[in-house]
Structures are given as C-alpha cells and as structure tokens.
Amino acid sequence: MHISYAFAKEFRENKENLAKTATLEMGKAIKESKSEVEKCAWAIEYFADNGKNIFKW
C-alpha cells in the first residue's frame, strides 16, 4: 500500500480526535471539523492517485 493511502486511513481512523483538536484550536463546530478531516483524507488519496499526472513526475 502506498504510504499516502495509509496516511489517509489514519486520518479517518482518528477523525474524532483530530476533529476535537481542530475544534479546540480553531473554534470550529465539531461537525465542520469532522468534515475537514474527511476532506483532508480525500485530498491525500486524490493526489496519491493523480499526482504523477498533475505534476508530471
């Protein structure tokens, strides 16, 4: 498994704790923080899938 997918998986598995941290540090609503964590995991997977095409590595 590509390390990026493992990183995205960790984000999702720790969504509750990451969201709580974001809420405490930035004052976001917990619902928004959870969505933010999910969006980050999605972005990691997107660039793992498409990075070579986007950046022409």
N, C-alpha and C. Protein backbone atom coordinates (compact mmCIF):
# COMPACT_ATOMS: atom_id res chain seq x y z
N MET A 1 0.85 -1.18 0.00
CA MET A 1 0.00 0.00 0.00
C MET A 1 0.89 1.24 0.00
N HIS A 2 0.55 2.16 -0.85
CA HIS A 2 1.28 3.43 -0.91
C HIS A 2 1.12 4.14 0.44
N ILE A 3 2.17 4.76 0.91
CA ILE A 3 2.14 5.40 2.22
C ILE A 3 1.05 6.47 2.32
N SER A 4 0.72 7.12 1.23
CA SER A 4 -0.32 8.14 1.26
C SER A 4 -1.68 7.55 1.64
N TYR A 5 -1.97 6.37 1.14
CA TYR A 5 -3.24 5.72 1.48
C TYR A 5 -3.27 5.34 2.96
N ALA A 6 -2.14 4.91 3.47
CA ALA A 6 -2.06 4.58 4.89
C ALA A 6 -2.27 5.84 5.74
N PHE A 7 -1.73 6.95 5.27
CA PHE A 7 -1.89 8.22 5.98
C PHE A 7 -3.35 8.64 5.98
N ALA A 8 -4.02 8.53 4.83
CA ALA A 8 -5.45 8.87 4.74
C ALA A 8 -6.28 7.96 5.65
N LYS A 9 -5.91 6.69 5.69
CA LYS A 9 -6.61 5.74 6.56
C LYS A 9 -6.47 6.14 8.03
N GLU A 10 -5.28 6.56 8.42
CA GLU A 10 -5.05 7.02 9.80
C GLU A 10 -5.89 8.25 10.11
N PHE A 11 -5.99 9.17 9.15
CA PHE A 11 -6.84 10.35 9.34
C PHE A 11 -8.26 9.91 9.66
N ARG A 12 -8.79 9.00 8.85
CA ARG A 12 -10.17 8.56 9.05
C ARG A 12 -10.35 7.82 10.38
N GLU A 13 -9.39 6.97 10.71
CA GLU A 13 -9.48 6.20 11.96
C GLU A 13 -9.39 7.11 13.19
N ASN A 14 -8.75 8.25 13.05
CA ASN A 14 -8.57 9.18 14.17
C ASN A 14 -9.40 10.45 13.99
N LYS A 15 -10.45 10.34 13.18
CA LYS A 15 -11.27 11.51 12.85
C LYS A 15 -11.80 12.21 14.09
N GLU A 16 -12.29 11.46 15.06
CA GLU A 16 -12.87 12.06 16.27
C GLU A 16 -11.84 12.91 17.01
N ASN A 17 -10.66 12.34 17.25
CA ASN A 17 -9.62 13.07 17.98
C ASN A 17 -9.11 14.27 17.18
N LEU A 18 -8.90 14.09 15.89
CA LEU A 18 -8.44 15.20 15.05
C LEU A 18 -9.48 16.31 15.00
N ALA A 19 -10.75 15.94 14.91
CA ALA A 19 -11.81 16.93 14.88
C ALA A 19 -11.90 17.68 16.21
N LYS A 20 -11.76 16.97 17.31
CA LYS A 20 -11.79 17.63 18.62
C LYS A 20 -10.64 18.62 18.75
N THR A 21 -9.47 18.23 18.26
CA THR A 21 -8.32 19.12 18.31
C THR A 21 -8.56 20.37 17.47
N ALA A 22 -9.08 20.19 16.27
CA ALA A 22 -9.37 21.34 15.41
C ALA A 22 -10.39 22.26 16.05
N THR A 23 -11.38 21.68 16.68
CA THR A 23 -12.41 22.47 17.35
C THR A 23 -11.82 23.27 18.50
N LEU A 24 -10.98 22.63 19.30
CA LEU A 24 -10.36 23.32 20.43
C LEU A 24 -9.40 24.41 19.98
N GLU A 25 -8.63 24.14 18.93
CA GLU A 25 -7.61 25.09 18.49
C GLU A 25 -8.17 26.23 17.65
N MET A 26 -9.21 25.96 16.86
CA MET A 26 -9.69 26.96 15.92
C MET A 26 -11.12 27.42 16.17
N GLY A 27 -11.79 26.78 17.10
CA GLY A 27 -13.14 27.18 17.42
C GLY A 27 -14.20 26.76 16.41
N LYS A 28 -13.85 25.81 15.55
CA LYS A 28 -14.82 25.31 14.58
C LYS A 28 -15.86 24.45 15.29
N ALA A 29 -17.03 24.38 14.69
CA ALA A 29 -18.03 23.44 15.18
C ALA A 29 -17.51 22.02 14.92
N ILE A 30 -17.82 21.10 15.81
CA ILE A 30 -17.31 19.72 15.68
C ILE A 30 -17.73 19.10 14.35
N LYS A 31 -18.93 19.38 13.88
CA LYS A 31 -19.39 18.85 12.61
C LYS A 31 -18.50 19.34 11.46
N GLU A 32 -18.14 20.62 11.49
CA GLU A 32 -17.26 21.17 10.46
C GLU A 32 -15.87 20.54 10.55
N SER A 33 -15.39 20.34 11.76
CA SER A 33 -14.08 19.75 11.95
C SER A 33 -14.02 18.32 11.40
N LYS A 34 -15.06 17.56 11.63
CA LYS A 34 -15.10 16.19 11.10
C LYS A 34 -15.09 16.21 9.57
N SER A 35 -15.84 17.13 8.99
CA SER A 35 -15.85 17.26 7.53
C SER A 35 -14.47 17.65 7.01
N GLU A 36 -13.79 18.51 7.74
CA GLU A 36 -12.45 18.95 7.35
C GLU A 36 -11.47 17.77 7.35
N VAL A 37 -11.55 16.92 8.37
CA VAL A 37 -10.68 15.75 8.43
C VAL A 37 -10.96 14.83 7.24
N GLU A 38 -12.23 14.61 6.94
CA GLU A 38 -12.60 13.76 5.81
C GLU A 38 -12.10 14.36 4.50
N LYS A 39 -12.22 15.68 4.37
CA LYS A 39 -11.75 16.36 3.15
C LYS A 39 -10.24 16.20 3.00
N CYS A 40 -9.52 16.28 4.10
CA CYS A 40 -8.06 16.09 4.05
C CYS A 40 -7.70 14.67 3.61
N ALA A 41 -8.41 13.68 4.15
CA ALA A 41 -8.16 12.29 3.77
C ALA A 41 -8.45 12.10 2.28
N TRP A 42 -9.54 12.68 1.81
CA TRP A 42 -9.89 12.58 0.39
C TRP A 42 -8.80 13.22 -0.48
N ALA A 43 -8.31 14.39 -0.08
CA ALA A 43 -7.29 15.09 -0.85
C ALA A 43 -6.00 14.27 -0.92
N ILE A 44 -5.63 13.64 0.18
CA ILE A 44 -4.43 12.80 0.20
C ILE A 44 -4.59 11.67 -0.82
N GLU A 45 -5.74 11.01 -0.81
CA GLU A 45 -5.98 9.92 -1.77
C GLU A 45 -6.03 10.44 -3.20
N TYR A 46 -6.63 11.58 -3.41
CA TYR A 46 -6.71 12.16 -4.75
C TYR A 46 -5.31 12.38 -5.32
N PHE A 47 -4.45 13.02 -4.54
CA PHE A 47 -3.10 13.28 -5.03
C PHE A 47 -2.26 12.02 -5.12
N ALA A 48 -2.54 11.02 -4.29
CA ALA A 48 -1.85 9.74 -4.44
C ALA A 48 -2.24 9.09 -5.77
N ASP A 49 -3.51 9.23 -6.15
CA ASP A 49 -3.99 8.66 -7.40
C ASP A 49 -3.57 9.47 -8.63
N ASN A 50 -3.51 10.78 -8.50
CA ASN A 50 -3.36 11.65 -9.67
C ASN A 50 -2.12 12.53 -9.68
N GLY A 51 -1.34 12.48 -8.64
CA GLY A 51 -0.18 13.36 -8.53
C GLY A 51 0.77 13.30 -9.70
N LYS A 52 1.07 12.11 -10.18
CA LYS A 52 2.01 11.98 -11.30
C LYS A 52 1.48 12.65 -12.56
N ASN A 53 0.19 12.57 -12.78
CA ASN A 53 -0.40 13.21 -13.96
C ASN A 53 -0.47 14.72 -13.80
N ILE A 54 -0.76 15.17 -12.62
CA ILE A 54 -0.90 16.60 -12.37
C ILE A 54 0.46 17.30 -12.41
N PHE A 55 1.44 16.70 -11.76
CA PHE A 55 2.73 17.33 -11.61
C PHE A 55 3.78 16.81 -12.60
N LYS A 56 3.41 15.87 -13.44
CA LYS A 56 4.29 15.31 -14.48
C LYS A 56 5.61 14.80 -13.91
N TRP A 57 5.51 14.02 -12.83
CA TRP A 57 6.71 13.42 -12.23
C TRP A 57 7.20 12.30 -13.06
